N, C-alpha and C. Protein backbone atom coordinates (compact mmCIF):
# COMPACT_ATOMS: atom_id res chain seq x y z
N MET A 1 -27.66 2.00 16.09
CA MET A 1 -26.86 3.34 16.04
C MET A 1 -26.15 2.82 14.87
N HIS A 2 -25.99 3.80 13.71
CA HIS A 2 -25.10 3.44 12.44
C HIS A 2 -23.95 4.10 12.86
N ARG A 3 -23.11 2.95 12.69
CA ARG A 3 -21.43 3.52 12.93
C ARG A 3 -20.85 3.57 11.34
N PRO A 4 -20.71 4.93 10.78
CA PRO A 4 -19.92 4.89 9.64
C PRO A 4 -18.58 4.10 9.26
N LEU A 5 -18.81 3.75 7.82
CA LEU A 5 -17.67 3.18 7.40
C LEU A 5 -16.83 4.07 6.41
N VAL A 6 -15.67 3.84 6.38
CA VAL A 6 -14.73 4.50 5.27
C VAL A 6 -14.34 3.63 4.56
N ALA A 7 -14.39 3.22 3.37
CA ALA A 7 -13.63 2.42 2.68
C ALA A 7 -12.71 2.98 1.97
N ILE A 8 -11.31 2.06 2.15
CA ILE A 8 -10.03 2.57 1.74
C ILE A 8 -9.81 1.50 0.62
N ILE A 9 -9.72 2.27 -0.89
CA ILE A 9 -9.66 1.73 -1.75
C ILE A 9 -7.99 1.66 -2.35
N GLY A 10 -7.63 0.82 -3.36
CA GLY A 10 -6.42 1.12 -3.97
C GLY A 10 -5.61 -0.09 -4.39
N SER A 11 -4.58 -0.49 -4.80
CA SER A 11 -3.89 -1.38 -5.54
C SER A 11 -3.78 -2.45 -4.71
N ALA A 12 -3.87 -3.65 -5.00
CA ALA A 12 -3.71 -4.90 -4.18
C ALA A 12 -2.17 -5.28 -4.29
N LYS A 13 -1.56 -4.91 -5.44
CA LYS A 13 -0.05 -5.22 -5.49
C LYS A 13 0.40 -3.97 -5.60
N THR A 14 1.25 -3.40 -4.74
CA THR A 14 1.99 -2.19 -5.08
C THR A 14 3.27 -2.31 -4.13
N SER A 15 3.66 -0.98 -4.09
CA SER A 15 5.06 -1.02 -3.38
C SER A 15 4.99 -0.75 -1.65
N PRO A 16 6.08 -1.14 -1.31
CA PRO A 16 6.08 -1.04 0.41
C PRO A 16 5.65 0.26 0.86
N GLU A 17 6.59 1.30 0.21
CA GLU A 17 6.05 2.98 0.27
C GLU A 17 4.49 3.23 0.34
N VAL A 18 3.53 2.58 -0.80
CA VAL A 18 2.33 2.96 -0.63
C VAL A 18 1.51 2.10 0.56
N ILE A 19 2.06 1.14 0.72
CA ILE A 19 1.25 0.27 1.58
C ILE A 19 1.76 0.65 3.13
N ALA A 20 2.56 1.52 3.34
CA ALA A 20 3.15 2.41 4.43
C ALA A 20 2.13 3.25 4.67
N VAL A 21 1.73 4.18 3.19
CA VAL A 21 0.82 5.48 3.32
C VAL A 21 -0.65 4.68 3.66
N ALA A 22 -1.01 3.51 3.11
CA ALA A 22 -2.37 2.77 3.66
C ALA A 22 -2.35 2.59 5.10
N GLU A 23 -1.22 1.98 5.99
CA GLU A 23 -1.02 1.81 6.78
C GLU A 23 -0.97 2.99 7.83
N ALA A 24 -0.90 4.18 7.61
CA ALA A 24 -0.57 5.43 8.28
C ALA A 24 -2.04 5.91 8.09
N LEU A 25 -2.81 5.81 6.79
CA LEU A 25 -4.42 6.14 6.80
C LEU A 25 -5.08 5.16 7.72
N GLY A 26 -4.51 3.93 7.52
CA GLY A 26 -5.50 3.11 8.72
C GLY A 26 -5.50 3.44 10.11
N ALA A 27 -4.23 3.81 10.70
CA ALA A 27 -4.24 4.10 12.24
C ALA A 27 -4.93 5.54 11.94
N ALA A 28 -4.50 6.70 11.44
CA ALA A 28 -5.36 7.90 11.24
C ALA A 28 -6.84 7.88 11.42
N LEU A 29 -7.62 6.68 10.76
CA LEU A 29 -8.90 6.82 11.13
C LEU A 29 -9.26 6.09 12.08
N ALA A 30 -8.45 5.10 12.48
CA ALA A 30 -8.48 4.39 13.93
C ALA A 30 -8.68 5.34 15.03
N ALA A 31 -7.76 6.41 14.82
CA ALA A 31 -7.73 7.43 15.93
C ALA A 31 -8.67 8.32 15.90
N ARG A 32 -9.35 8.54 15.25
CA ARG A 32 -10.78 9.11 15.21
C ARG A 32 -11.71 8.40 15.27
N GLY A 33 -11.54 7.11 15.56
CA GLY A 33 -12.93 6.30 15.99
C GLY A 33 -13.56 5.64 14.79
N LEU A 34 -12.75 5.75 13.76
CA LEU A 34 -13.74 5.65 12.22
C LEU A 34 -13.26 3.90 11.96
N SER A 35 -14.11 3.40 11.57
CA SER A 35 -14.12 2.00 10.96
C SER A 35 -13.52 1.64 9.69
N ILE A 36 -13.09 0.65 9.02
CA ILE A 36 -12.76 0.63 7.49
C ILE A 36 -13.38 -0.52 7.04
N LEU A 37 -13.76 -0.19 5.63
CA LEU A 37 -14.27 -1.24 5.11
C LEU A 37 -12.85 -1.43 3.64
N CYS A 38 -12.76 -2.43 3.23
CA CYS A 38 -12.25 -2.78 2.22
C CYS A 38 -12.42 -3.79 1.16
N GLY A 39 -11.50 -4.02 0.31
CA GLY A 39 -11.95 -5.45 -0.57
C GLY A 39 -11.07 -6.76 0.27
N GLY A 40 -10.50 -6.60 1.20
CA GLY A 40 -10.00 -7.55 2.14
C GLY A 40 -8.69 -8.17 1.85
N ARG A 41 -8.05 -7.97 0.81
CA ARG A 41 -6.74 -8.47 0.08
C ARG A 41 -5.36 -8.06 0.61
N GLY A 42 -4.63 -7.91 -0.33
CA GLY A 42 -3.47 -7.51 0.00
C GLY A 42 -3.28 -5.79 -0.28
N GLY A 43 -1.45 -5.40 -0.38
CA GLY A 43 -1.76 -4.21 -0.82
C GLY A 43 -1.97 -3.07 -0.40
N VAL A 44 -2.77 -1.93 -0.67
CA VAL A 44 -3.57 -0.82 0.14
C VAL A 44 -4.08 -1.38 1.37
N MET A 45 -5.16 -2.40 1.06
CA MET A 45 -5.89 -2.91 1.70
C MET A 45 -5.63 -3.79 3.13
N LEU A 46 -4.39 -4.53 2.93
CA LEU A 46 -3.43 -4.92 4.18
C LEU A 46 -2.87 -3.85 5.00
N GLY A 47 -2.38 -2.67 4.13
CA GLY A 47 -1.69 -1.68 4.71
C GLY A 47 -2.76 -1.35 5.73
N ALA A 48 -3.61 -0.81 5.35
CA ALA A 48 -5.00 0.25 6.01
C ALA A 48 -5.56 -0.88 7.08
N CYS A 49 -5.56 -2.02 6.96
CA CYS A 49 -6.04 -2.90 8.26
C CYS A 49 -5.03 -2.93 9.28
N ARG A 50 -3.86 -3.16 8.68
CA ARG A 50 -2.78 -3.46 9.61
C ARG A 50 -2.62 -2.03 10.37
N GLY A 51 -2.68 -1.18 9.68
CA GLY A 51 -2.43 0.32 10.26
C GLY A 51 -3.74 0.44 11.57
N LEU A 52 -4.75 -0.06 11.01
CA LEU A 52 -6.03 0.25 11.97
C LEU A 52 -5.68 -0.83 13.27
N ARG A 53 -5.32 -2.00 13.00
CA ARG A 53 -5.06 -3.00 14.05
C ARG A 53 -3.93 -2.66 14.77
N GLN A 54 -2.80 -1.86 14.48
CA GLN A 54 -1.54 -1.66 15.14
C GLN A 54 -1.83 -0.31 16.16
N TYR A 55 -2.68 0.60 15.55
CA TYR A 55 -3.22 1.61 16.52
C TYR A 55 -3.99 1.39 17.45
N ARG A 56 -4.86 0.13 17.33
CA ARG A 56 -5.78 -0.34 18.36
C ARG A 56 -4.91 -0.93 19.54
N GLU A 57 -4.15 -2.09 19.18
CA GLU A 57 -3.39 -2.73 20.11
C GLU A 57 -2.28 -1.47 21.06
N GLN A 58 -1.95 -0.34 20.40
CA GLN A 58 -1.05 0.76 21.12
C GLN A 58 -2.00 1.58 21.80
N HIS A 59 -3.00 1.71 21.67
CA HIS A 59 -4.28 2.53 22.19
C HIS A 59 -5.44 1.63 22.55
N PRO A 60 -5.24 1.21 23.47
CA PRO A 60 -6.55 0.42 24.01
C PRO A 60 -7.37 1.00 24.69
N VAL A 61 -8.66 0.91 24.60
CA VAL A 61 -9.79 1.35 25.30
C VAL A 61 -10.93 0.56 25.53
N GLN A 62 -11.64 1.20 26.58
CA GLN A 62 -12.89 0.14 26.81
C GLN A 62 -13.80 0.90 25.79
N GLY A 63 -14.86 -0.17 25.53
CA GLY A 63 -16.27 0.65 24.85
C GLY A 63 -15.72 -0.13 23.32
N VAL A 64 -16.46 0.69 22.46
CA VAL A 64 -16.47 0.68 20.99
C VAL A 64 -15.17 1.23 20.44
N GLN A 65 -14.61 0.15 19.42
CA GLN A 65 -13.13 0.79 19.07
C GLN A 65 -13.57 0.45 17.31
N ALA A 66 -12.83 1.22 16.65
CA ALA A 66 -12.60 1.06 15.46
C ALA A 66 -12.56 -0.26 14.82
N VAL A 67 -13.03 -1.28 13.71
CA VAL A 67 -12.66 -2.21 13.20
C VAL A 67 -12.56 -2.10 11.69
N ALA A 68 -11.67 -3.33 11.29
CA ALA A 68 -11.85 -3.53 9.52
C ALA A 68 -12.45 -4.91 9.37
N ILE A 69 -13.35 -4.03 7.94
CA ILE A 69 -14.23 -5.33 7.51
C ILE A 69 -13.88 -5.40 6.11
N GLY A 70 -13.42 -6.75 5.49
CA GLY A 70 -13.19 -6.90 4.50
C GLY A 70 -14.18 -7.43 3.42
N LEU A 71 -14.90 -7.39 2.30
CA LEU A 71 -15.62 -7.71 1.25
C LEU A 71 -14.91 -8.20 0.28
N LEU A 72 -14.51 -9.96 0.34
CA LEU A 72 -13.79 -10.68 -0.29
C LEU A 72 -14.15 -10.91 -1.69
N PRO A 73 -13.60 -10.66 -2.80
CA PRO A 73 -14.20 -11.02 -3.73
C PRO A 73 -14.23 -12.78 -4.22
N ASP A 74 -13.98 -13.48 -3.38
CA ASP A 74 -13.65 -15.06 -3.53
C ASP A 74 -14.84 -15.52 -2.23
N VAL A 75 -15.00 -16.78 -2.55
CA VAL A 75 -15.85 -17.44 -1.33
C VAL A 75 -14.84 -18.12 -0.37
N ASP A 76 -13.60 -17.96 -0.35
CA ASP A 76 -12.71 -18.44 0.85
C ASP A 76 -12.07 -17.47 1.70
N LYS A 77 -12.69 -17.97 2.73
CA LYS A 77 -12.03 -16.44 4.18
C LYS A 77 -10.61 -16.92 4.21
N GLY A 78 -9.85 -17.84 3.63
CA GLY A 78 -8.86 -18.20 3.95
C GLY A 78 -7.64 -16.97 3.20
N LEU A 79 -8.40 -16.71 2.09
CA LEU A 79 -7.73 -15.70 1.17
C LEU A 79 -7.69 -14.34 1.90
N ALA A 80 -8.21 -14.06 2.78
CA ALA A 80 -8.41 -12.80 3.47
C ALA A 80 -7.24 -12.27 4.21
N ASN A 81 -6.94 -10.87 4.11
CA ASN A 81 -5.76 -10.53 5.06
C ASN A 81 -5.80 -10.64 6.63
N PRO A 82 -4.78 -10.98 7.36
CA PRO A 82 -4.82 -11.22 8.38
C PRO A 82 -5.05 -10.21 9.74
N PHE A 83 -5.23 -8.97 8.97
CA PHE A 83 -5.52 -7.85 9.99
C PHE A 83 -7.14 -7.35 10.04
N LEU A 84 -7.76 -8.27 9.03
CA LEU A 84 -9.12 -8.25 9.18
C LEU A 84 -9.91 -8.24 10.55
N ASP A 85 -10.93 -7.74 11.07
CA ASP A 85 -12.14 -8.01 12.05
C ASP A 85 -12.75 -9.07 11.56
N PHE A 86 -13.43 -8.67 10.48
CA PHE A 86 -14.45 -9.25 9.86
C PHE A 86 -14.07 -9.35 8.54
N ALA A 87 -14.11 -10.89 7.98
CA ALA A 87 -13.90 -11.37 6.34
C ALA A 87 -14.97 -11.64 6.04
N LEU A 88 -15.72 -11.14 5.08
CA LEU A 88 -16.84 -11.56 4.19
C LEU A 88 -16.79 -11.90 3.00
N PRO A 89 -16.54 -13.09 2.64
CA PRO A 89 -16.49 -14.00 1.11
C PRO A 89 -17.84 -13.57 0.75
N THR A 90 -17.76 -12.68 -0.50
CA THR A 90 -18.71 -12.67 -1.53
C THR A 90 -18.97 -13.24 -2.65
N GLY A 91 -18.14 -14.04 -3.29
CA GLY A 91 -18.16 -15.05 -4.57
C GLY A 91 -18.40 -14.31 -5.61
N LEU A 92 -18.60 -12.64 -5.62
CA LEU A 92 -18.80 -12.00 -6.78
C LEU A 92 -17.96 -11.27 -7.59
N GLY A 93 -16.49 -11.90 -7.25
CA GLY A 93 -15.20 -10.86 -7.98
C GLY A 93 -15.31 -9.55 -8.08
N PHE A 94 -15.21 -9.27 -9.32
CA PHE A 94 -15.09 -7.75 -9.42
C PHE A 94 -16.11 -7.05 -8.98
N ALA A 95 -17.58 -7.71 -8.85
CA ALA A 95 -18.66 -6.88 -8.92
C ALA A 95 -18.99 -6.67 -7.25
N ARG A 96 -17.87 -7.17 -6.42
CA ARG A 96 -17.98 -6.60 -5.31
C ARG A 96 -17.64 -5.22 -5.15
N ASN A 97 -17.00 -4.64 -6.04
CA ASN A 97 -16.69 -3.17 -5.66
C ASN A 97 -17.82 -2.52 -5.96
N SER A 98 -18.87 -2.73 -6.63
CA SER A 98 -20.11 -2.05 -6.17
C SER A 98 -20.74 -2.02 -4.59
N VAL A 99 -20.68 -3.36 -4.48
CA VAL A 99 -21.31 -3.58 -3.15
C VAL A 99 -20.40 -2.76 -1.99
N ILE A 100 -18.86 -2.67 -2.27
CA ILE A 100 -17.94 -1.84 -1.61
C ILE A 100 -18.46 -0.26 -1.35
N ALA A 101 -18.39 0.40 -2.59
CA ALA A 101 -18.87 1.49 -2.78
C ALA A 101 -20.40 2.03 -2.13
N LEU A 102 -21.20 0.75 -2.22
CA LEU A 102 -22.51 1.38 -1.80
C LEU A 102 -22.57 1.12 -0.37
N ALA A 103 -21.56 0.33 0.09
CA ALA A 103 -21.85 -0.21 1.58
C ALA A 103 -20.96 1.04 2.47
N ALA A 104 -20.16 1.75 1.83
CA ALA A 104 -19.52 3.12 2.24
C ALA A 104 -20.13 4.23 2.51
N ASP A 105 -19.76 4.72 3.45
CA ASP A 105 -20.39 6.12 3.77
C ASP A 105 -19.25 7.00 3.11
N ALA A 106 -18.16 7.05 2.78
CA ALA A 106 -17.06 7.55 2.19
C ALA A 106 -16.23 6.76 1.73
N LEU A 107 -15.53 7.38 0.74
CA LEU A 107 -14.20 6.36 0.05
C LEU A 107 -13.14 7.19 -0.05
N ILE A 108 -12.05 6.63 0.55
CA ILE A 108 -10.75 7.38 -0.08
C ILE A 108 -10.00 6.46 -0.64
N ALA A 109 -9.15 6.80 -1.82
CA ALA A 109 -8.68 6.14 -2.66
C ALA A 109 -7.01 6.38 -2.61
N ILE A 110 -6.35 5.23 -2.82
CA ILE A 110 -4.85 5.47 -2.76
C ILE A 110 -4.25 4.72 -3.90
N GLU A 111 -3.50 5.36 -4.93
CA GLU A 111 -2.95 4.49 -5.95
C GLU A 111 -4.16 4.20 -6.76
N GLY A 112 -4.11 2.79 -7.31
CA GLY A 112 -4.90 2.41 -7.77
C GLY A 112 -5.16 1.83 -9.42
N SER A 113 -5.57 0.87 -9.81
CA SER A 113 -5.54 0.60 -11.02
C SER A 113 -6.95 0.42 -11.26
N SER A 114 -7.36 -0.41 -12.28
CA SER A 114 -8.61 -0.41 -13.03
C SER A 114 -9.77 -1.14 -11.77
N GLY A 115 -9.06 -1.99 -10.87
CA GLY A 115 -10.29 -2.53 -9.91
C GLY A 115 -10.61 -1.06 -9.13
N THR A 116 -10.02 0.03 -9.00
CA THR A 116 -9.71 1.07 -7.79
C THR A 116 -10.60 1.99 -8.61
N LEU A 117 -10.36 1.92 -10.06
CA LEU A 117 -11.17 3.22 -10.66
C LEU A 117 -12.65 2.96 -11.07
N SER A 118 -12.86 1.36 -11.04
CA SER A 118 -14.32 0.79 -10.68
C SER A 118 -15.22 1.17 -9.58
N GLU A 119 -14.47 1.00 -8.52
CA GLU A 119 -14.77 1.39 -7.32
C GLU A 119 -15.25 3.02 -6.98
N MET A 120 -14.24 3.91 -7.73
CA MET A 120 -14.50 5.30 -7.89
C MET A 120 -15.54 5.56 -8.56
N ALA A 121 -15.63 4.75 -9.83
CA ALA A 121 -16.69 5.16 -10.67
C ALA A 121 -18.24 5.07 -9.78
N TYR A 122 -18.12 3.72 -9.17
CA TYR A 122 -19.24 3.74 -8.77
C TYR A 122 -19.57 4.50 -7.28
N ALA A 123 -18.40 4.71 -6.72
CA ALA A 123 -19.12 5.90 -5.70
C ALA A 123 -19.68 7.27 -6.18
N TRP A 124 -19.00 7.39 -7.19
CA TRP A 124 -19.63 8.66 -8.05
C TRP A 124 -20.76 8.37 -8.38
N GLN A 125 -21.39 7.40 -8.95
CA GLN A 125 -22.63 7.22 -9.24
C GLN A 125 -23.70 7.03 -7.97
N TYR A 126 -23.08 6.42 -7.12
CA TYR A 126 -23.68 6.42 -5.89
C TYR A 126 -23.94 7.34 -5.09
N GLY A 127 -23.24 8.80 -5.35
CA GLY A 127 -23.40 9.91 -4.68
C GLY A 127 -22.57 9.87 -3.38
N LYS A 128 -21.54 9.02 -3.41
CA LYS A 128 -20.75 8.89 -1.98
C LYS A 128 -19.79 9.62 -2.01
N PRO A 129 -19.40 10.74 -0.93
CA PRO A 129 -18.26 11.48 -0.79
C PRO A 129 -16.82 10.51 -1.04
N LEU A 130 -16.22 11.14 -1.84
CA LEU A 130 -14.97 10.64 -2.59
C LEU A 130 -13.98 11.39 -2.43
N CYS A 131 -12.59 10.67 -2.14
CA CYS A 131 -11.49 11.49 -1.78
C CYS A 131 -10.23 10.61 -2.24
N ALA A 132 -9.36 11.31 -3.21
CA ALA A 132 -8.09 10.66 -3.50
C ALA A 132 -7.02 11.48 -2.70
N LEU A 133 -6.03 10.33 -2.48
CA LEU A 133 -4.98 11.02 -1.89
C LEU A 133 -4.00 10.71 -2.96
N ASP A 134 -3.25 12.01 -3.23
CA ASP A 134 -2.74 12.53 -4.35
C ASP A 134 -1.12 12.21 -3.54
N GLY A 135 -0.17 11.83 -4.94
CA GLY A 135 1.05 11.66 -4.50
C GLY A 135 1.39 10.05 -4.62
N CYS A 136 0.82 9.33 -4.75
CA CYS A 136 0.96 7.90 -4.54
C CYS A 136 0.85 7.48 -6.14
N GLY A 137 0.37 7.94 -7.00
CA GLY A 137 0.15 7.82 -8.41
C GLY A 137 -1.07 7.03 -8.76
N GLY A 138 -1.47 6.35 -9.65
CA GLY A 138 -2.57 5.29 -10.06
C GLY A 138 -3.74 6.34 -10.26
N TRP A 139 -4.91 5.72 -10.27
CA TRP A 139 -6.14 6.24 -10.71
C TRP A 139 -6.19 7.38 -9.94
N ALA A 140 -5.69 7.38 -8.37
CA ALA A 140 -6.33 8.35 -7.41
C ALA A 140 -5.76 9.74 -7.82
N ALA A 141 -4.60 9.72 -7.88
CA ALA A 141 -3.74 10.76 -8.55
C ALA A 141 -4.29 11.51 -9.63
N ARG A 142 -4.52 10.29 -10.81
CA ARG A 142 -5.19 11.22 -11.86
C ARG A 142 -6.51 11.86 -11.75
N LEU A 143 -7.17 11.22 -10.90
CA LEU A 143 -8.79 11.95 -10.77
C LEU A 143 -8.78 12.63 -9.42
N ALA A 144 -7.64 12.97 -8.76
CA ALA A 144 -7.98 14.09 -7.50
C ALA A 144 -8.40 15.27 -7.94
N GLY A 145 -8.96 15.92 -7.60
CA GLY A 145 -9.89 17.29 -7.89
C GLY A 145 -10.59 17.36 -9.00
N GLU A 146 -10.67 16.01 -9.69
CA GLU A 146 -11.84 16.13 -10.95
C GLU A 146 -13.07 15.50 -10.62
N ARG A 147 -14.05 16.13 -11.62
CA ARG A 147 -15.33 15.49 -11.62
C ARG A 147 -15.33 14.36 -12.68
N LEU A 148 -16.10 13.24 -12.48
CA LEU A 148 -16.14 12.27 -13.49
C LEU A 148 -17.08 12.46 -14.54
N ASP A 149 -18.07 13.10 -14.19
CA ASP A 149 -18.88 13.66 -15.31
C ASP A 149 -19.79 14.68 -14.64
N GLU A 150 -21.12 15.09 -15.66
CA GLU A 150 -21.88 16.05 -15.32
C GLU A 150 -22.84 15.66 -14.36
N ARG A 151 -22.87 14.57 -13.59
CA ARG A 151 -24.09 13.79 -12.80
C ARG A 151 -23.65 14.41 -11.28
N ARG A 152 -22.77 15.08 -10.87
CA ARG A 152 -22.58 15.71 -9.88
C ARG A 152 -21.70 17.12 -9.97
N ALA A 153 -22.30 18.05 -9.12
CA ALA A 153 -21.36 19.20 -9.24
C ALA A 153 -20.26 19.57 -8.33
N ASP A 154 -19.87 18.43 -7.26
CA ASP A 154 -18.51 18.40 -6.61
C ASP A 154 -17.68 18.18 -7.40
N VAL A 155 -16.42 17.80 -6.99
CA VAL A 155 -15.00 17.12 -7.31
C VAL A 155 -14.70 15.86 -6.49
N ILE A 156 -13.88 15.10 -6.93
CA ILE A 156 -13.15 14.24 -6.06
C ILE A 156 -12.08 15.03 -5.11
N PHE A 157 -12.26 14.78 -3.84
CA PHE A 157 -11.47 15.65 -3.16
C PHE A 157 -9.99 15.14 -3.08
N ARG A 158 -9.18 16.23 -3.37
CA ARG A 158 -7.52 15.97 -3.60
C ARG A 158 -7.13 16.03 -2.06
N ALA A 159 -6.67 15.07 -1.38
CA ALA A 159 -5.98 15.38 -0.38
C ALA A 159 -4.52 14.99 -0.53
N SER A 160 -3.68 15.86 0.03
CA SER A 160 -2.07 15.86 0.12
C SER A 160 -1.72 15.13 1.01
N SER A 161 -2.05 14.74 2.05
CA SER A 161 -1.55 13.76 3.11
C SER A 161 -2.39 12.86 3.67
N VAL A 162 -1.97 12.13 4.54
CA VAL A 162 -2.90 11.05 5.20
C VAL A 162 -3.58 11.92 6.17
N ASP A 163 -3.08 12.86 7.11
CA ASP A 163 -3.75 13.70 7.78
C ASP A 163 -5.16 14.20 7.42
N GLU A 164 -4.77 14.91 6.08
CA GLU A 164 -5.78 15.79 5.40
C GLU A 164 -6.91 14.85 4.77
N ALA A 165 -6.55 13.24 4.67
CA ALA A 165 -7.79 12.40 3.99
C ALA A 165 -8.43 12.08 5.28
N ALA A 166 -7.88 11.88 6.45
CA ALA A 166 -8.63 11.33 7.60
C ALA A 166 -9.79 12.61 8.31
N GLN A 167 -8.98 13.85 8.17
CA GLN A 167 -9.65 14.93 8.44
C GLN A 167 -10.98 15.11 7.53
N TRP A 168 -10.84 15.17 6.36
CA TRP A 168 -11.72 15.18 5.27
C TRP A 168 -13.03 14.24 5.48
N ALA A 169 -12.78 12.76 6.09
CA ALA A 169 -13.75 11.76 6.43
C ALA A 169 -14.43 12.15 7.84
N LEU A 170 -14.00 12.62 8.62
CA LEU A 170 -14.47 13.35 9.67
C LEU A 170 -15.30 14.44 9.20
N ARG A 171 -15.15 15.04 8.29
CA ARG A 171 -15.83 16.46 8.08
C ARG A 171 -17.22 15.89 7.26
N VAL A 172 -17.08 15.16 6.33
CA VAL A 172 -18.17 14.38 5.46
C VAL A 172 -19.10 13.82 6.39
N LEU A 173 -18.48 13.06 7.21
CA LEU A 173 -19.45 11.81 7.74
C LEU A 173 -20.08 12.58 8.93
N ALA A 174 -19.84 14.20 9.29
CA ALA A 174 -20.46 14.83 10.44
C ALA A 174 -21.58 15.25 9.60
N GLY A 175 -21.74 15.58 8.63
CA GLY A 175 -22.73 16.06 7.80
C GLY A 175 -22.79 17.31 7.06
């Protein structure tokens, strides 16, 4: 059985307000039974994993639950954020961004600088559903509602709220 993964991509260094948005998104995805994939470090990644973990602790269920998986750029698991269920060191540096985009079934961007931009471009090239949460700035806000080039007819979905982004993920993953 394939369990879908939603990659949450965004700034590794950001404000407490943006981390809180990522935390809310992690919880919203967990509430819908969706697991997350991320780069496994700080900022948006830490917030999303913490939100998923807190939701899980507050809503215990028996059976399969959402998990947080981090594909680390490093070889040292000790550099992973403490809220991951699985920390997978790759030793690939920024090249791991391609792996994240390829491994995810859908991606949601929050804020973001050049690393997030590369993940968005890979997702676009791999034909992956891509959502950008508007309102936090960065590349996500700049590219929300846009096409990156002519290879695809769709646009990067613009979500104006965490709930809208989580609903989008459910919709695109349902097929």
